[in-house]
């Protein structure tokens, strides 16, 4: 069977599974989700062994440290997958919820009811834990799922999906409700996103190149964010110690993810006091600093930030810094160079906070908190299926 026919066959199987899922009770779905979590827990050793194969191949292929970090399934991330499935069990089932109702003068009783989307395709890179997160939320909402991961994580993805399938089947997981595209051939992506007769929604999770390619090829709706050029602005009214802690967390905790800070903006009235202290902490973590002329006058010896740096999503231990004269200038910079993902202000002044939150056109805007909080789990949404910078129909963590 060629790839086109293989993907078409998967699509038809998913449509059939979606109809079966739509009739499933909440109690039944929760029982299966718990069994899927147990499946991963029981198969931890096999999943870790599969993941190690991918890590070895990734190192041999020259993947950088950020990509290897995304690829690795540590004990903490394994537990996160398991807990993510169980957290979704505890979430309210939205299927069948009545959003609103009204009676028309002609006697019609109209009700708006939440229903499943149908068949969702998730196309993702590097992070095998995405398979569990996507499966949990799609299954809870009675949507059939087709997963297509990157070749760098093929062994890990297979092991995770097989563990969920084997665990779930014991409690009645419908056949083909969670499928993984087995081929790593890139042509499978095109066939998948153009399968409009079967696929209802595509969600790409990965780098800008993947997301743009999917969006350009797709014949079905796509929810996405292109990249994460996230900013932190330190206002003149900021608590300096808080600002330093937030900046270090946003840049250094996990630099290879989309909600990590890439550009720091500092008010000119506080720059001389805070930047030397910040550099000490960044130096201790081997962060390369690139600054504008004012930043370089305060921190001699750092690299010069170019126009390209303000657009850059480094996904690495590199930080661009610019000194600005006001919150208005900070907002203007973010709206010009940002990616509408996640941006933060550190400030005690309420008027600065309000101007920033109203003016920054991003999916998630923070006051006195790190951009690293942009995550479905951190927001109390359960496992996360993706982050959207679109305005129709979803924005932020989903």
Protein backbone atom coordinates (compact mmCIF):
# COMPACT_ATOMS: atom_id res chain seq x y z
CA UNK A 1 0.00 0.00 0.00
CA UNK A 2 1.42 3.41 -0.94
CA UNK A 3 1.48 6.33 1.51
CA UNK A 4 -1.53 8.08 -0.01
CA UNK A 5 -3.69 4.96 0.33
CA UNK A 6 -2.30 4.23 3.79
CA UNK A 7 -3.25 7.69 5.11
CA UNK A 8 -6.66 7.52 3.42
CA UNK A 9 -7.33 4.17 5.11
CA UNK A 10 -6.35 5.62 8.50
CA UNK A 11 -8.70 8.54 7.91
CA UNK A 12 -11.67 6.28 7.16
CA UNK A 13 -10.97 4.21 10.26
CA UNK A 14 -10.81 7.38 12.35
CA UNK A 15 -14.18 8.59 11.06
CA UNK A 16 -15.77 5.30 12.10
CA UNK A 17 -14.11 5.52 15.52
CA UNK A 18 -15.30 9.11 15.97
CA UNK A 19 -18.93 8.07 15.55
CA UNK A 20 -18.44 5.38 18.19
CA UNK A 21 -16.75 7.80 20.57
CA UNK A 22 -19.59 10.32 20.25
CA UNK A 23 -21.97 7.81 21.87
CA UNK A 24 -19.65 6.90 24.75
CA UNK A 25 -20.57 7.88 28.32
CA UNK A 26 -18.34 10.00 30.52
CA UNK A 27 -17.96 7.12 32.97
CA UNK A 28 -16.76 4.82 30.21
CA UNK A 29 -14.31 7.38 28.83
CA UNK A 30 -12.85 8.04 32.27
CA UNK A 31 -12.41 4.33 32.89
CA UNK A 32 -10.50 3.99 29.61
CA UNK A 33 -8.35 7.06 30.33
CA UNK A 34 -7.35 5.61 33.70
CA UNK A 35 -6.47 2.34 31.96
CA UNK A 36 -4.37 4.25 29.41
CA UNK A 37 -2.46 5.91 32.26
CA UNK A 38 -1.92 2.49 33.82
CA UNK A 39 -0.67 1.22 30.45
CA UNK A 40 2.05 3.86 30.34
CA UNK A 41 2.96 3.20 33.98
CA UNK A 42 3.30 -0.52 33.34
CA UNK A 43 5.36 0.04 30.20
CA UNK A 44 7.75 2.63 31.65
CA UNK A 45 10.83 0.49 31.11
CA UNK A 46 9.94 -0.29 27.49
CA UNK A 47 9.19 3.37 26.78
CA UNK A 48 12.47 4.51 28.33
CA UNK A 49 14.37 1.90 26.26
CA UNK A 50 12.67 3.12 23.08
CA UNK A 51 13.42 6.71 24.03
CA UNK A 52 17.09 5.88 24.55
CA UNK A 53 17.24 4.55 20.97
CA UNK A 54 15.96 7.91 19.73
CA UNK A 55 18.38 9.84 21.94
CA UNK A 56 21.36 7.82 20.67
CA UNK A 57 20.27 8.37 17.07
CA UNK A 58 19.70 12.06 17.78
CA UNK A 59 23.17 12.54 19.19
CA UNK A 60 24.68 10.74 16.21
CA UNK A 61 22.65 12.96 13.87
CA UNK A 62 24.00 16.07 15.60
CA UNK A 63 20.76 17.33 17.21
CA UNK A 64 21.45 20.35 19.40
CA UNK A 65 20.97 20.30 23.18
CA UNK A 66 17.58 22.02 23.01
CA UNK A 67 16.16 19.38 20.64
CA UNK A 68 17.66 16.55 22.68
CA UNK A 69 16.07 18.05 25.77
CA UNK A 70 12.67 18.07 24.05
CA UNK A 71 13.18 14.48 22.97
CA UNK A 72 14.21 13.01 26.30
CA UNK A 73 11.61 11.28 28.47
CA UNK A 74 12.96 11.76 31.99
CA UNK A 75 11.29 10.10 34.99
CA UNK A 76 9.60 13.43 35.72
CA UNK A 77 8.20 13.68 32.19
CA UNK A 78 7.04 10.08 32.27
CA UNK A 79 5.19 10.81 35.48
CA UNK A 80 3.86 13.97 33.85
CA UNK A 81 2.31 11.93 31.03
CA UNK A 82 0.69 9.55 33.48
CA UNK A 83 -0.58 12.33 35.74
CA UNK A 84 -1.77 14.28 32.69
CA UNK A 85 -4.04 11.42 31.68
CA UNK A 86 -5.38 11.12 35.22
CA UNK A 87 -5.90 14.88 35.51
CA UNK A 88 -8.09 14.76 32.41
CA UNK A 89 -10.19 12.08 34.07
CA UNK A 90 -10.99 14.64 36.78
CA UNK A 91 -12.00 17.34 34.28
CA UNK A 92 -15.64 17.95 33.47
CA UNK A 93 -16.76 16.29 30.24
CA UNK A 94 -17.82 19.11 27.89
CA UNK A 95 -19.63 16.86 25.42
CA UNK A 96 -23.37 17.49 25.59
CA UNK A 97 -23.11 20.66 27.67
CA UNK A 98 -25.82 23.19 26.90
CA UNK A 99 -24.18 26.55 26.17
CA UNK A 100 -27.43 28.52 25.85
CA UNK A 101 -31.07 28.16 24.90
CA UNK A 102 -34.00 30.35 23.86
CA UNK A 103 -37.52 30.10 22.50
CA UNK A 104 -38.48 31.97 19.36
CA UNK A 105 -41.88 33.62 18.82
CA UNK A 106 -42.62 30.94 16.22
CA UNK A 107 -42.36 28.26 18.90
CA UNK A 108 -38.91 26.90 18.08
CA UNK A 109 -36.97 25.86 21.20
CA UNK A 110 -33.32 26.40 20.23
CA UNK A 111 -30.38 24.96 22.18
CA UNK A 112 -26.64 25.31 21.54
CA UNK A 113 -24.90 22.07 22.56
CA UNK A 114 -21.20 21.20 22.69
CA UNK A 115 -20.35 18.31 20.37
CA UNK A 116 -17.05 16.64 19.36
CA UNK A 117 -15.07 18.08 16.45
CA UNK A 118 -14.70 14.62 14.90
CA UNK A 119 -11.23 13.60 13.70
CA UNK A 120 -8.18 15.60 14.77
CA UNK A 121 -4.67 15.23 13.35
CA UNK A 122 -1.72 16.27 15.52
CA UNK A 123 1.60 16.74 13.71
CA UNK A 124 4.47 17.24 16.11
CA UNK A 125 8.24 17.24 16.45
CA UNK A 126 10.63 15.88 19.05
CA UNK A 127 8.44 15.72 22.15
CA UNK A 128 6.97 12.20 22.59
CA UNK A 129 4.97 13.30 25.64
CA UNK A 130 2.77 15.22 23.18
CA UNK A 131 1.31 11.87 22.13
CA UNK A 132 -0.10 11.26 25.61
CA UNK A 133 -1.28 14.84 26.09
CA UNK A 134 -3.10 14.90 22.75
CA UNK A 135 -4.61 11.46 23.26
CA UNK A 136 -5.97 12.40 26.68
CA UNK A 137 -7.79 15.54 25.58
CA UNK A 138 -9.01 14.19 22.26
CA UNK A 139 -10.38 11.03 23.85
CA UNK A 140 -12.07 12.89 26.73
CA UNK A 141 -13.85 15.11 24.20
CA UNK A 142 -14.81 12.11 22.04
CA UNK A 143 -12.56 13.02 19.11
CA UNK A 144 -10.68 10.40 17.13
CA UNK A 145 -6.97 11.14 16.82
CA UNK A 146 -4.27 10.59 14.21
CA UNK A 147 -0.75 11.35 15.44
CA UNK A 148 2.21 12.01 13.18
CA UNK A 149 5.46 12.54 15.08
CA UNK A 150 8.92 13.41 13.82
CA UNK A 151 11.38 10.75 12.73
CA UNK A 152 13.70 11.70 15.60
CA UNK A 153 11.12 10.33 18.09
CA UNK A 154 9.65 7.43 16.14
CA UNK A 155 10.60 4.67 18.62
CA UNK A 156 9.41 6.72 21.60
CA UNK A 157 6.11 7.63 19.94
CA UNK A 158 5.41 4.02 19.01
CA UNK A 159 6.09 2.86 22.56
CA UNK A 160 3.88 5.54 24.15
CA UNK A 161 0.96 4.96 21.77
CA UNK A 162 1.21 1.17 22.08
CA UNK A 163 1.17 1.48 25.87
CA UNK A 164 -1.96 3.64 25.79
CA UNK A 165 -3.67 1.39 23.27
CA UNK A 166 -2.92 -1.82 25.16
CA UNK A 167 -3.98 -0.31 28.47
CA UNK A 168 -7.13 1.26 27.05
CA UNK A 169 -8.25 -1.76 25.05
CA UNK A 170 -8.63 -3.73 28.29
CA UNK A 171 -11.40 -1.31 29.27
CA UNK A 172 -13.01 -0.97 25.83
CA UNK A 173 -10.98 1.61 23.92
CA UNK A 174 -12.58 1.62 20.45
CA UNK A 175 -10.32 0.37 17.67
CA UNK A 176 -8.58 3.13 15.68
CA UNK A 177 -9.64 5.94 18.01
CA UNK A 178 -5.93 6.70 18.56
CA UNK A 179 -3.68 6.00 15.57
CA UNK A 180 -0.02 6.74 14.91
CA UNK A 181 1.32 7.25 11.38
CA UNK A 182 4.08 4.65 11.24
CA UNK A 183 6.06 6.01 8.31
CA UNK A 184 8.58 8.81 8.74
CA UNK A 185 8.29 9.78 5.08
CA UNK A 186 7.49 13.50 4.88
CA UNK A 187 4.94 12.97 2.14
CA UNK A 188 2.64 11.48 4.79
CA UNK A 189 2.17 14.96 6.26
CA UNK A 190 0.88 16.36 2.99
CA UNK A 191 -1.53 13.46 2.51
CA UNK A 192 -2.80 13.84 6.06
CA UNK A 193 -3.47 17.59 6.00
CA UNK A 194 -5.20 17.36 2.63
CA UNK A 195 -7.55 14.55 3.66
CA UNK A 196 -10.49 16.92 3.93
CA UNK A 197 -13.10 14.18 3.62
CA UNK A 198 -11.91 12.61 6.89
CA UNK A 199 -9.89 15.14 8.93
CA UNK A 200 -11.78 17.96 10.64
CA UNK A 201 -8.89 19.83 12.29
CA UNK A 202 -5.08 19.85 12.18
CA UNK A 203 -2.90 21.04 15.06
CA UNK A 204 0.84 21.27 14.32
CA UNK A 205 3.23 21.38 17.28
CA UNK A 206 6.86 22.12 16.51
CA UNK A 207 9.17 24.68 14.96
CA UNK A 208 8.21 27.53 12.68
CA UNK A 209 9.25 25.60 9.58
CA UNK A 210 6.95 22.67 10.33
CA UNK A 211 3.99 24.89 11.19
CA UNK A 212 4.33 27.04 8.08
CA UNK A 213 4.65 23.96 5.87
CA UNK A 214 1.54 22.40 7.39
CA UNK A 215 -0.45 25.62 7.07
CA UNK A 216 0.53 26.10 3.44
CA UNK A 217 -0.32 22.50 2.48
CA UNK A 218 -3.49 22.03 4.50
CA UNK A 219 -6.95 21.73 2.98
CA UNK A 220 -8.54 21.58 6.45
CA UNK A 221 -8.60 24.11 9.33
CA UNK A 222 -5.31 24.54 11.24
CA UNK A 223 -4.82 25.89 14.78
CA UNK A 224 -1.24 26.92 15.40
CA UNK A 225 1.41 29.32 16.59
CA UNK A 226 4.35 29.95 14.29
CA UNK A 227 7.03 30.67 16.90
CA UNK A 228 7.56 31.96 20.41
CA UNK A 229 9.40 35.28 20.45
CA UNK A 230 8.47 35.98 24.07
CA UNK A 231 9.37 39.17 25.94
CA UNK A 232 9.74 40.32 29.52
CA UNK A 233 9.58 44.06 30.21
CA UNK A 234 11.01 45.35 33.51
CA UNK A 235 9.33 48.63 34.39
CA UNK A 236 10.91 51.41 36.45
CA UNK A 237 8.44 50.52 39.24
CA UNK A 238 9.49 46.85 39.37
CA UNK A 239 10.70 45.05 42.46
CA UNK A 240 14.28 44.37 41.39
CA UNK A 241 14.68 41.00 43.11
CA UNK A 242 11.38 39.79 41.67
CA UNK A 243 12.37 41.03 38.22
CA UNK A 244 15.68 39.16 38.35
CA UNK A 245 14.02 35.92 39.44
CA UNK A 246 11.36 36.16 36.72
CA UNK A 247 13.91 36.94 34.00
CA UNK A 248 16.17 34.06 34.98
CA UNK A 249 13.25 31.62 35.11
CA UNK A 250 11.83 32.79 31.78
CA UNK A 251 15.18 32.44 29.97
CA UNK A 252 17.02 29.64 31.73
CA UNK A 253 14.61 27.10 33.17
CA UNK A 254 14.06 25.43 29.79
CA UNK A 255 15.33 27.57 26.90
CA UNK A 256 14.32 25.18 24.11
CA UNK A 257 10.56 25.66 24.44
CA UNK A 258 8.18 28.14 22.84
CA UNK A 259 7.31 29.99 26.06
CA UNK A 260 10.91 30.80 27.00
CA UNK A 261 11.89 34.48 26.96
CA UNK A 262 13.98 35.56 23.96
CA UNK A 263 14.09 39.36 24.45
CA UNK A 264 14.32 41.38 27.67
CA UNK A 265 13.23 45.03 27.72
CA UNK A 266 14.38 47.21 30.62
CA UNK A 267 13.24 50.74 31.53
CA UNK A 268 16.09 53.24 31.22
CA UNK A 269 15.61 54.51 34.79
CA UNK A 270 16.33 51.09 36.27
CA UNK A 271 18.81 49.73 33.70
CA UNK A 272 22.03 50.84 35.43
CA UNK A 273 20.96 49.21 38.68
CA UNK A 274 19.56 45.93 37.38
CA UNK A 275 21.57 44.94 34.32
CA UNK A 276 24.93 44.28 36.05
CA UNK A 277 23.19 42.07 38.62
CA UNK A 278 21.32 40.28 35.86
CA UNK A 279 24.52 39.68 33.90
CA UNK A 280 26.13 37.99 36.90
CA UNK A 281 23.29 35.50 37.09
CA UNK A 282 23.16 34.97 33.34
CA UNK A 283 26.92 34.44 33.21
CA UNK A 284 26.63 31.74 35.87
CA UNK A 285 24.28 29.88 33.52
CA UNK A 286 26.40 30.50 30.39
CA UNK A 287 23.83 32.71 28.69
CA UNK A 288 25.11 34.75 25.75
CA UNK A 289 23.85 38.36 25.88
CA UNK A 290 23.26 40.53 22.82
CA UNK A 291 22.40 44.16 23.52
CA UNK A 292 21.53 47.50 22.01
CA UNK A 293 23.90 50.45 22.39
CA UNK A 294 22.61 51.48 25.84
CA UNK A 295 22.82 47.92 27.14
CA UNK A 296 26.38 47.60 25.81
CA UNK A 297 27.39 50.84 27.54
CA UNK A 298 26.27 49.32 30.85
CA UNK A 299 27.58 45.81 30.08
CA UNK A 300 30.79 46.30 28.09
CA UNK A 301 32.00 43.27 26.17
CA UNK A 302 28.64 41.78 25.24
CA UNK A 303 27.68 41.22 21.62
CA UNK A 304 25.82 43.76 19.53
CA UNK A 305 22.16 42.99 18.91
CA UNK A 306 21.19 43.33 15.26
CA UNK A 307 17.76 43.88 13.73
CA UNK A 308 17.52 40.09 13.23
CA UNK A 309 17.97 39.51 16.97
CA UNK A 310 14.72 41.29 17.79
CA UNK A 311 12.89 38.81 15.55
CA UNK A 312 14.83 35.75 16.74
CA UNK A 313 13.46 32.67 18.48
CA UNK A 314 16.78 31.32 19.76
CA UNK A 315 15.51 28.27 21.67
CA UNK A 316 18.95 28.38 23.27
CA UNK A 317 20.94 30.11 26.00
CA UNK A 318 20.99 33.43 24.13
CA UNK A 319 19.18 36.60 25.22
CA UNK A 320 18.64 39.91 23.43
CA UNK A 321 18.34 42.98 25.69
CA UNK A 322 17.06 46.46 24.82
CA UNK A 323 16.72 49.50 27.07
CA UNK A 324 13.50 51.46 26.52
CA UNK A 325 12.30 54.82 27.78
CA UNK A 326 8.74 53.92 28.75
CA UNK A 327 6.08 51.22 28.95
CA UNK A 328 4.68 52.67 25.72
CA UNK A 329 7.98 52.02 23.97
CA UNK A 330 8.08 48.49 25.37
CA UNK A 331 4.58 47.71 24.08
CA UNK A 332 5.44 49.15 20.66
CA UNK A 333 8.55 46.94 20.46
CA UNK A 334 6.62 43.80 21.43
CA UNK A 335 3.82 44.42 18.95
CA UNK A 336 6.38 45.03 16.19
CA UNK A 337 8.76 42.14 16.84
CA UNK A 338 6.79 39.65 18.92
CA UNK A 339 4.97 36.52 17.80
CA UNK A 340 1.74 37.11 19.79
CA UNK A 341 2.58 34.18 22.07
CA UNK A 342 3.49 35.16 25.66
CA UNK A 343 4.78 38.45 27.05
CA UNK A 344 5.26 39.73 30.59
CA UNK A 345 5.60 42.97 32.53
CA UNK A 346 7.29 43.19 35.91
CA UNK A 347 5.89 46.31 37.57
CA UNK A 348 4.30 47.57 40.79
CA UNK A 349 2.73 50.59 39.12
CA UNK A 350 -0.90 49.80 38.32
CA UNK A 351 -1.14 52.20 35.39
CA UNK A 352 1.89 50.54 33.74
CA UNK A 353 0.33 47.13 34.30
CA UNK A 354 -2.97 48.19 32.73
CA UNK A 355 -1.33 49.88 29.74
CA UNK A 356 0.77 46.78 29.07
CA UNK A 357 -2.02 44.22 29.40
CA UNK A 358 -4.37 46.25 27.21
CA UNK A 359 -1.75 47.19 24.62
CA UNK A 360 0.18 43.95 24.03
CA UNK A 361 -1.48 41.87 21.31
CA UNK A 362 -0.52 38.41 22.55
CA UNK A 363 -2.38 35.23 23.42
CA UNK A 364 -1.08 35.32 26.99
CA UNK A 365 0.01 38.44 28.88
CA UNK A 366 1.50 38.29 32.38
CA UNK A 367 1.92 40.72 35.26
CA UNK A 368 4.74 39.85 37.65
CA UNK A 369 5.02 36.25 36.43
CA UNK A 370 7.20 34.28 34.03
CA UNK A 371 6.20 33.49 30.45
CA UNK A 372 7.07 29.87 31.28
CA UNK A 373 3.61 29.55 32.84
CA UNK A 374 1.99 29.38 29.39
CA UNK A 375 0.95 25.78 29.65
CA UNK A 376 -2.37 23.98 29.84
CA UNK A 377 -1.42 22.15 33.01
CA UNK A 378 -0.25 25.31 34.76
CA UNK A 379 -3.52 27.01 33.79
CA UNK A 380 -5.56 24.19 35.30
CA UNK A 381 -6.81 23.01 31.92
CA UNK A 382 -5.46 19.48 32.30
CA UNK A 383 -3.13 18.14 29.62
CA UNK A 384 -2.41 20.52 26.76
CA UNK A 385 -3.13 19.88 23.11
CA UNK A 386 -1.35 22.99 21.87
CA UNK A 387 -0.87 26.75 22.15
CA UNK A 388 -2.62 28.99 19.66
CA UNK A 389 -1.82 32.53 18.60
CA UNK A 390 -4.82 32.54 16.28
CA UNK A 391 -7.90 34.59 17.11
CA UNK A 392 -10.42 32.18 15.58
CA UNK A 393 -11.43 30.11 17.29
CA UNK A 394 -8.92 29.37 20.08
CA UNK A 395 -6.15 31.52 21.61
CA UNK A 396 -3.56 30.58 24.22
CA UNK A 397 -3.14 27.13 25.81
CA UNK A 398 -5.82 24.67 24.74
